[in-house]
Amino acid sequence: MQKPAQSGIHQAPAGSLVIGRNVSATVEGEDVVIRFRHATRLGASKSGKNVLVATTGGNVTLSVGGAALKVGLNVYEPAEL
């Protein structure tokens, strides 16, 4: 399998919280906006079947408006076999 090139890791905008590898969250009014850099490749998944783009590495807790919200995110694409 060819190793994908890794571009720059997502830099969280001011006021954002980094919640994982290449992923951040921002509260904008009534919305929670989750951002990641789609061109970034973090490497192969544990199984080798996918290439990881962004991940929270399991569930993380966001405190928003007095509520404890759980977020779990994995962004990936199929690996070329």
PDB file of N, CA and C in Angstrom:
ATOM      1  N   MET A   1       0.855  -1.175   0.000  1.00  0.00           N
ATOM      2  CA  MET A   1       0.000   0.000   0.000  1.00  0.00           C
ATOM      3  C   MET A   1       0.895   1.230   0.000  1.00  0.00           C
ATOM      4  N   GLN A   2       0.558   2.189  -0.853  1.00  0.00           N
ATOM      5  CA  GLN A   2       1.317   3.428  -0.924  1.00  0.00           C
ATOM      6  C   GLN A   2       0.935   4.326   0.239  1.00  0.00           C
ATOM      7  N   LYS A   3       1.938   4.862   0.939  1.00  0.00           N
ATOM      8  CA  LYS A   3       1.677   5.745   2.064  1.00  0.00           C
ATOM      9  C   LYS A   3       1.260   7.121   1.539  1.00  0.00           C
ATOM     10  N   PRO A   4       0.085   7.638   1.989  1.00  0.00           N
ATOM     11  CA  PRO A   4      -0.375   8.929   1.497  1.00  0.00           C
ATOM     12  C   PRO A   4       0.480  10.066   2.037  1.00  0.00           C
ATOM     13  N   ALA A   5       0.590  11.122   1.233  1.00  0.00           N
ATOM     14  CA  ALA A   5       1.330  12.302   1.679  1.00  0.00           C
ATOM     15  C   ALA A   5       0.514  13.025   2.732  1.00  0.00           C
ATOM     16  N   GLN A   6       1.184  13.528   3.747  1.00  0.00           N
ATOM     17  CA  GLN A   6       0.500  14.253   4.807  1.00  0.00           C
ATOM     18  C   GLN A   6       0.690  15.745   4.593  1.00  0.00           C
ATOM     19  N   SER A   7      -0.417  16.456   4.497  1.00  0.00           N
ATOM     20  CA  SER A   7      -0.335  17.907   4.397  1.00  0.00           C
ATOM     21  C   SER A   7      -0.419  18.490   5.797  1.00  0.00           C
ATOM     22  N   GLY A   8      -0.490  19.805   5.897  1.00  0.00           N
ATOM     23  CA  GLY A   8      -0.516  20.462   7.202  1.00  0.00           C
ATOM     24  C   GLY A   8      -1.680  20.024   8.059  1.00  0.00           C
ATOM     25  N   ILE A   9      -1.427  19.865   9.339  1.00  0.00           N
ATOM     26  CA  ILE A   9      -2.473  19.513  10.292  1.00  0.00           C
ATOM     27  C   ILE A   9      -3.343  20.743  10.535  1.00  0.00           C
ATOM     28  N   HIS A  10      -4.624  20.511  10.695  1.00  0.00           N
ATOM     29  CA  HIS A  10      -5.588  21.583  10.932  1.00  0.00           C
ATOM     30  C   HIS A  10      -5.180  22.397  12.159  1.00  0.00           C
ATOM     31  N   GLN A  11      -5.107  23.693  11.978  1.00  0.00           N
ATOM     32  CA  GLN A  11      -4.845  24.604  13.085  1.00  0.00           C
ATOM     33  C   GLN A  11      -6.179  25.194  13.515  1.00  0.00           C
ATOM     34  N   ALA A  12      -6.532  25.034  14.775  1.00  0.00           N
ATOM     35  CA  ALA A  12      -7.823  25.514  15.260  1.00  0.00           C
ATOM     36  C   ALA A  12      -7.885  27.031  15.207  1.00  0.00           C
ATOM     37  N   PRO A  13      -8.986  27.581  14.669  1.00  0.00           N
ATOM     38  CA  PRO A  13      -9.149  29.034  14.673  1.00  0.00           C
ATOM     39  C   PRO A  13      -9.238  29.566  16.102  1.00  0.00           C
ATOM     40  N   ALA A  14      -8.974  30.849  16.270  1.00  0.00           N
ATOM     41  CA  ALA A  14      -9.077  31.472  17.598  1.00  0.00           C
ATOM     42  C   ALA A  14     -10.465  31.205  18.173  1.00  0.00           C
ATOM     43  N   GLY A  15     -10.528  30.853  19.435  1.00  0.00           N
ATOM     44  CA  GLY A  15     -11.798  30.559  20.093  1.00  0.00           C
ATOM     45  C   GLY A  15     -12.264  29.130  19.920  1.00  0.00           C
ATOM     46  N   SER A  16     -11.516  28.332  19.174  1.00  0.00           N
ATOM     47  CA  SER A  16     -11.883  26.931  18.963  1.00  0.00           C
ATOM     48  C   SER A  16     -11.169  26.040  19.962  1.00  0.00           C
ATOM     49  N   LEU A  17     -11.704  24.863  20.127  1.00  0.00           N
ATOM     50  CA  LEU A  17     -11.122  23.867  21.009  1.00  0.00           C
ATOM     51  C   LEU A  17     -10.671  22.686  20.165  1.00  0.00           C
ATOM     52  N   VAL A  18      -9.407  22.306  20.282  1.00  0.00           N
ATOM     53  CA  VAL A  18      -8.913  21.116  19.596  1.00  0.00           C
ATOM     54  C   VAL A  18      -9.479  19.909  20.324  1.00  0.00           C
ATOM     55  N   ILE A  19     -10.237  19.077  19.606  1.00  0.00           N
ATOM     56  CA  ILE A  19     -10.890  17.929  20.248  1.00  0.00           C
ATOM     57  C   ILE A  19     -10.361  16.599  19.750  1.00  0.00           C
ATOM     58  N   GLY A  20      -9.295  16.618  18.953  1.00  0.00           N
ATOM     59  CA  GLY A  20      -8.713  15.379  18.459  1.00  0.00           C
ATOM     60  C   GLY A  20      -7.585  15.666  17.498  1.00  0.00           C
ATOM     61  N   ARG A  21      -7.221  14.656  16.747  1.00  0.00           N
ATOM     62  CA  ARG A  21      -6.166  14.797  15.738  1.00  0.00           C
ATOM     63  C   ARG A  21      -6.786  15.358  14.468  1.00  0.00           C
ATOM     64  N   ASN A  22      -6.379  16.565  14.098  1.00  0.00           N
ATOM     65  CA  ASN A  22      -6.859  17.259  12.906  1.00  0.00           C
ATOM     66  C   ASN A  22      -8.334  17.620  13.003  1.00  0.00           C
ATOM     67  N   VAL A  23      -8.852  17.888  14.199  1.00  0.00           N
ATOM     68  CA  VAL A  23     -10.266  18.261  14.347  1.00  0.00           C
ATOM     69  C   VAL A  23     -10.428  19.241  15.510  1.00  0.00           C
ATOM     70  N   SER A  24     -11.264  20.267  15.271  1.00  0.00           N
ATOM     71  CA  SER A  24     -11.553  21.256  16.313  1.00  0.00           C
ATOM     72  C   SER A  24     -13.047  21.563  16.305  1.00  0.00           C
ATOM     73  N   ALA A  25     -13.509  22.176  17.375  1.00  0.00           N
ATOM     74  CA  ALA A  25     -14.923  22.545  17.499  1.00  0.00           C
ATOM     75  C   ALA A  25     -15.019  23.980  17.991  1.00  0.00           C
ATOM     76  N   THR A  26     -16.036  24.687  17.488  1.00  0.00           N
ATOM     77  CA  THR A  26     -16.301  26.065  17.867  1.00  0.00           C
ATOM     78  C   THR A  26     -17.793  26.207  18.106  1.00  0.00           C
ATOM     79  N   VAL A  27     -18.173  26.961  19.141  1.00  0.00           N
ATOM     80  CA  VAL A  27     -19.580  27.289  19.355  1.00  0.00           C
ATOM     81  C   VAL A  27     -19.841  28.618  18.657  1.00  0.00           C
ATOM     82  N   GLU A  28     -20.777  28.601  17.720  1.00  0.00           N
ATOM     83  CA  GLU A  28     -21.157  29.797  16.970  1.00  0.00           C
ATOM     84  C   GLU A  28     -22.656  29.997  17.137  1.00  0.00           C
ATOM     85  N   GLY A  29     -23.035  30.799  18.121  1.00  0.00           N
ATOM     86  CA  GLY A  29     -24.458  31.006  18.419  1.00  0.00           C
ATOM     87  C   GLY A  29     -25.089  29.721  18.903  1.00  0.00           C
ATOM     88  N   GLU A  30     -26.067  29.232  18.168  1.00  0.00           N
ATOM     89  CA  GLU A  30     -26.779  27.996  18.518  1.00  0.00           C
ATOM     90  C   GLU A  30     -26.120  26.750  17.923  1.00  0.00           C
ATOM     91  N   ASP A  31     -25.055  26.937  17.159  1.00  0.00           N
ATOM     92  CA  ASP A  31     -24.423  25.822  16.451  1.00  0.00           C
ATOM     93  C   ASP A  31     -23.074  25.452  17.051  1.00  0.00           C
ATOM     94  N   VAL A  32     -22.760  24.161  17.021  1.00  0.00           N
ATOM     95  CA  VAL A  32     -21.405  23.690  17.288  1.00  0.00           C
ATOM     96  C   VAL A  32     -20.847  23.308  15.919  1.00  0.00           C
ATOM     97  N   VAL A  33     -19.756  23.970  15.537  1.00  0.00           N
ATOM     98  CA  VAL A  33     -19.154  23.742  14.224  1.00  0.00           C
ATOM     99  C   VAL A  33     -17.891  22.914  14.412  1.00  0.00           C
ATOM    100  N   ILE A  34     -17.832  21.768  13.729  1.00  0.00           N
ATOM    101  CA  ILE A  34     -16.670  20.885  13.797  1.00  0.00           C
ATOM    102  C   ILE A  34     -15.904  21.038  12.490  1.00  0.00           C
ATOM    103  N   ARG A  35     -14.594  21.302  12.610  1.00  0.00           N
ATOM    104  CA  ARG A  35     -13.754  21.526  11.432  1.00  0.00           C
ATOM    105  C   ARG A  35     -12.594  20.543  11.396  1.00  0.00           C
ATOM    106  N   PHE A  36     -12.235  20.147  10.162  1.00  0.00           N
ATOM    107  CA  PHE A  36     -11.033  19.364   9.938  1.00  0.00           C
ATOM    108  C   PHE A  36     -10.504  19.707   8.556  1.00  0.00           C
ATOM    109  N   ARG A  37      -9.219  19.494   8.357  1.00  0.00           N
ATOM    110  CA  ARG A  37      -8.588  19.752   7.062  1.00  0.00           C
ATOM    111  C   ARG A  37      -8.730  18.490   6.221  1.00  0.00           C
ATOM    112  N   HIS A  38      -9.518  18.564   5.157  1.00  0.00           N
ATOM    113  CA  HIS A  38      -9.842  17.359   4.376  1.00  0.00           C
ATOM    114  C   HIS A  38      -8.660  16.821   3.579  1.00  0.00           C
ATOM    115  N   ALA A  39      -7.644  17.626   3.330  1.00  0.00           N
ATOM    116  CA  ALA A  39      -6.489  17.158   2.558  1.00  0.00           C
ATOM    117  C   ALA A  39      -5.450  16.444   3.420  1.00  0.00           C
ATOM    118  N   THR A  40      -5.597  16.501   4.731  1.00  0.00           N
ATOM    119  CA  THR A  40      -4.643  15.870   5.642  1.00  0.00           C
ATOM    120  C   THR A  40      -4.865  14.363   5.685  1.00  0.00           C
ATOM    121  N   ARG A  41      -3.779  13.613   5.729  1.00  0.00           N
ATOM    122  CA  ARG A  41      -3.843  12.162   5.915  1.00  0.00           C
ATOM    123  C   ARG A  41      -2.977  11.822   7.119  1.00  0.00           C
ATOM    124  N   LEU A  42      -3.582  11.191   8.115  1.00  0.00           N
ATOM    125  CA  LEU A  42      -2.881  10.862   9.355  1.00  0.00           C
ATOM    126  C   LEU A  42      -2.217   9.495   9.310  1.00  0.00           C
ATOM    127  N   GLY A  43      -2.518   8.708   8.298  1.00  0.00           N
ATOM    128  CA  GLY A  43      -1.926   7.381   8.173  1.00  0.00           C
ATOM    129  C   GLY A  43      -2.997   6.312   8.143  1.00  0.00           C
ATOM    130  N   ALA A  44      -2.561   5.078   8.028  1.00  0.00           N
ATOM    131  CA  ALA A  44      -3.473   3.943   7.919  1.00  0.00           C
ATOM    132  C   ALA A  44      -4.175   3.666   9.245  1.00  0.00           C
ATOM    133  N   SER A  45      -5.393   3.156   9.140  1.00  0.00           N
ATOM    134  CA  SER A  45      -6.118   2.702  10.323  1.00  0.00           C
ATOM    135  C   SER A  45      -5.435   1.454  10.873  1.00  0.00           C
ATOM    136  N   LYS A  46      -5.853   1.028  12.059  1.00  0.00           N
ATOM    137  CA  LYS A  46      -5.245  -0.164  12.662  1.00  0.00           C
ATOM    138  C   LYS A  46      -5.406  -1.400  11.774  1.00  0.00           C
ATOM    139  N   SER A  47      -6.552  -1.490  11.097  1.00  0.00           N
ATOM    140  CA  SER A  47      -6.792  -2.649  10.224  1.00  0.00           C
ATOM    141  C   SER A  47      -6.071  -2.521   8.883  1.00  0.00           C
ATOM    142  N   GLY A  48      -5.685  -1.283   8.536  1.00  0.00           N
ATOM    143  CA  GLY A  48      -5.040  -1.060   7.253  1.00  0.00           C
ATOM    144  C   GLY A  48      -6.010  -0.919   6.092  1.00  0.00           C
ATOM    145  N   LYS A  49      -7.306  -1.020   6.363  1.00  0.00           N
ATOM    146  CA  LYS A  49      -8.307  -0.944   5.301  1.00  0.00           C
ATOM    147  C   LYS A  49      -8.654   0.495   4.920  1.00  0.00           C
ATOM    148  N   ASN A  50      -8.347   1.438   5.791  1.00  0.00           N
ATOM    149  CA  ASN A  50      -8.709   2.833   5.575  1.00  0.00           C
ATOM    150  C   ASN A  50      -7.533   3.747   5.882  1.00  0.00           C
ATOM    151  N   VAL A  51      -7.621   4.973   5.367  1.00  0.00           N
ATOM    152  CA  VAL A  51      -6.640   6.017   5.670  1.00  0.00           C
ATOM    153  C   VAL A  51      -7.360   7.069   6.497  1.00  0.00           C
ATOM    154  N   LEU A  52      -6.839   7.345   7.671  1.00  0.00           N
ATOM    155  CA  LEU A  52      -7.467   8.270   8.604  1.00  0.00           C
ATOM    156  C   LEU A  52      -7.207   9.715   8.210  1.00  0.00           C
ATOM    157  N   VAL A  53      -8.276  10.522   8.219  1.00  0.00           N
ATOM    158  CA  VAL A  53      -8.196  11.947   7.899  1.00  0.00           C
ATOM    159  C   VAL A  53      -8.284  12.769   9.175  1.00  0.00           C
ATOM    160  N   ALA A  54      -9.220  12.436  10.061  1.00  0.00           N
ATOM    161  CA  ALA A  54      -9.403  13.153  11.330  1.00  0.00           C
ATOM    162  C   ALA A  54     -10.067  12.223  12.334  1.00  0.00           C
ATOM    163  N   THR A  55      -9.781  12.427  13.618  1.00  0.00           N
ATOM    164  CA  THR A  55     -10.402  11.590  14.646  1.00  0.00           C
ATOM    165  C   THR A  55     -10.396  12.287  15.999  1.00  0.00           C
ATOM    166  N   THR A  56     -11.429  12.030  16.779  1.00  0.00           N
ATOM    167  CA  THR A  56     -11.431  12.473  18.170  1.00  0.00           C
ATOM    168  C   THR A  56     -10.780  11.416  19.058  1.00  0.00           C
ATOM    169  N   GLY A  57     -10.471  10.256  18.510  1.00  0.00           N
ATOM    170  CA  GLY A  57      -9.836   9.196  19.294  1.00  0.00           C
ATOM    171  C   GLY A  57     -10.774   8.586  20.320  1.00  0.00           C
ATOM    172  N   GLY A  58     -12.032   8.511  19.996  1.00  0.00           N
ATOM    173  CA  GLY A  58     -13.060   8.033  20.927  1.00  0.00           C
ATOM    174  C   GLY A  58     -13.988   9.194  21.258  1.00  0.00           C
ATOM    175  N   ASN A  59     -14.840   9.004  22.230  1.00  0.00           N
ATOM    176  CA  ASN A  59     -15.779  10.061  22.596  1.00  0.00           C
ATOM    177  C   ASN A  59     -15.099  11.117  23.453  1.00  0.00           C
ATOM    178  N   VAL A  60     -15.405  12.383  23.161  1.00  0.00           N
ATOM    179  CA  VAL A  60     -14.931  13.512  23.964  1.00  0.00           C
ATOM    180  C   VAL A  60     -16.150  14.285  24.434  1.00  0.00           C
ATOM    181  N   THR A  61     -16.001  15.014  25.532  1.00  0.00           N
ATOM    182  CA  THR A  61     -17.101  15.787  26.091  1.00  0.00           C
ATOM    183  C   THR A  61     -16.915  17.262  25.777  1.00  0.00           C
ATOM    184  N   LEU A  62     -17.958  17.884  25.226  1.00  0.00           N
ATOM    185  CA  LEU A  62     -17.981  19.323  24.996  1.00  0.00           C
ATOM    186  C   LEU A  62     -18.987  19.940  25.954  1.00  0.00           C
ATOM    187  N   SER A  63     -18.572  20.947  26.685  1.00  0.00           N
ATOM    188  CA  SER A  63     -19.493  21.673  27.556  1.00  0.00           C
ATOM    189  C   SER A  63     -20.056  22.838  26.765  1.00  0.00           C
ATOM    190  N   VAL A  64     -21.348  22.767  26.459  1.00  0.00           N
ATOM    191  CA  VAL A  64     -21.996  23.784  25.638  1.00  0.00           C
ATOM    192  C   VAL A  64     -23.300  24.214  26.308  1.00  0.00           C
ATOM    193  N   GLY A  65     -23.387  25.478  26.660  1.00  0.00           N
ATOM    194  CA  GLY A  65     -24.621  25.995  27.251  1.00  0.00           C
ATOM    195  C   GLY A  65     -25.044  25.255  28.501  1.00  0.00           C
ATOM    196  N   GLY A  66     -24.093  24.809  29.300  1.00  0.00           N
ATOM    197  CA  GLY A  66     -24.399  24.086  30.529  1.00  0.00           C
ATOM    198  C   GLY A  66     -24.646  22.602  30.334  1.00  0.00           C
ATOM    199  N   ALA A  67     -24.627  22.127  29.091  1.00  0.00           N
ATOM    200  CA  ALA A  67     -24.831  20.700  28.813  1.00  0.00           C
ATOM    201  C   ALA A  67     -23.496  20.039  28.495  1.00  0.00           C
ATOM    202  N   ALA A  68     -23.361  18.789  28.906  1.00  0.00           N
ATOM    203  CA  ALA A  68     -22.174  18.001  28.589  1.00  0.00           C
ATOM    204  C   ALA A  68     -22.516  17.120  27.392  1.00  0.00           C
ATOM    205  N   LEU A  69     -22.053  17.526  26.208  1.00  0.00           N
ATOM    206  CA  LEU A  69     -22.352  16.802  24.979  1.00  0.00           C
ATOM    207  C   LEU A  69     -21.194  15.893  24.607  1.00  0.00           C
ATOM    208  N   LYS A  70     -21.508  14.682  24.206  1.00  0.00           N
ATOM    209  CA  LYS A  70     -20.486  13.720  23.779  1.00  0.00           C
ATOM    210  C   LYS A  70     -20.367  13.738  22.255  1.00  0.00           C
ATOM    211  N   VAL A  71     -19.127  13.755  21.779  1.00  0.00           N
ATOM    212  CA  VAL A  71     -18.855  13.739  20.349  1.00  0.00           C
ATOM    213  C   VAL A  71     -17.817  12.662  20.065  1.00  0.00           C
ATOM    214  N   GLY A  72     -18.079  11.824  19.077  1.00  0.00           N
ATOM    215  CA  GLY A  72     -17.124  10.839  18.601  1.00  0.00           C
ATOM    216  C   GLY A  72     -17.061  10.941  17.085  1.00  0.00           C
ATOM    217  N   LEU A  73     -15.876  11.188  16.545  1.00  0.00           N
ATOM    218  CA  LEU A  73     -15.765  11.430  15.111  1.00  0.00           C
ATOM    219  C   LEU A  73     -14.577  10.678  14.534  1.00  0.00           C
ATOM    220  N   ASN A  74     -14.809   9.987  13.436  1.00  0.00           N
ATOM    221  CA  ASN A  74     -13.745   9.383  12.617  1.00  0.00           C
ATOM    222  C   ASN A  74     -14.037   9.745  11.173  1.00  0.00           C
ATOM    223  N   VAL A  75     -13.055  10.344  10.514  1.00  0.00           N
ATOM    224  CA  VAL A  75     -13.171  10.675   9.096  1.00  0.00           C
ATOM    225  C   VAL A  75     -12.075   9.876   8.391  1.00  0.00           C
ATOM    226  N   TYR A  76     -12.453   9.091   7.374  1.00  0.00           N
ATOM    227  CA  TYR A  76     -11.497   8.246   6.697  1.00  0.00           C
ATOM    228  C   TYR A  76     -11.891   8.022   5.259  1.00  0.00           C
ATOM    229  N   GLU A  77     -10.969   7.491   4.477  1.00  0.00           N
ATOM    230  CA  GLU A  77     -11.262   7.067   3.114  1.00  0.00           C
ATOM    231  C   GLU A  77     -10.695   5.674   2.938  1.00  0.00           C
ATOM    232  N   PRO A  78     -11.271   4.897   2.033  1.00  0.00           N
ATOM    233  CA  PRO A  78     -10.748   3.542   1.817  1.00  0.00           C
ATOM    234  C   PRO A  78      -9.299   3.591   1.318  1.00  0.00           C
ATOM    235  N   ALA A  79      -8.485   2.681   1.828  1.00  0.00           N
ATOM    236  CA  ALA A  79      -7.103   2.578   1.395  1.00  0.00           C
ATOM    237  C   ALA A  79      -7.055   1.898   0.036  1.00  0.00           C
ATOM    238  N   GLU A  80      -6.070   2.274  -0.760  1.00  0.00           N
ATOM    239  CA  GLU A  80      -5.870   1.594  -2.030  1.00  0.00           C
ATOM    240  C   GLU A  80      -5.082   0.327  -1.742  1.00  0.00           C
ATOM    241  N   LEU A  81      -5.670  -0.797  -2.053  1.00  0.00           N
ATOM    242  CA  LEU A  81      -5.008  -2.076  -1.750  1.00  0.00           C
ATOM    243  C   LEU A  81      -4.248  -2.592  -2.935  1.00  0.00           C
TER     244      LEU A  81
END
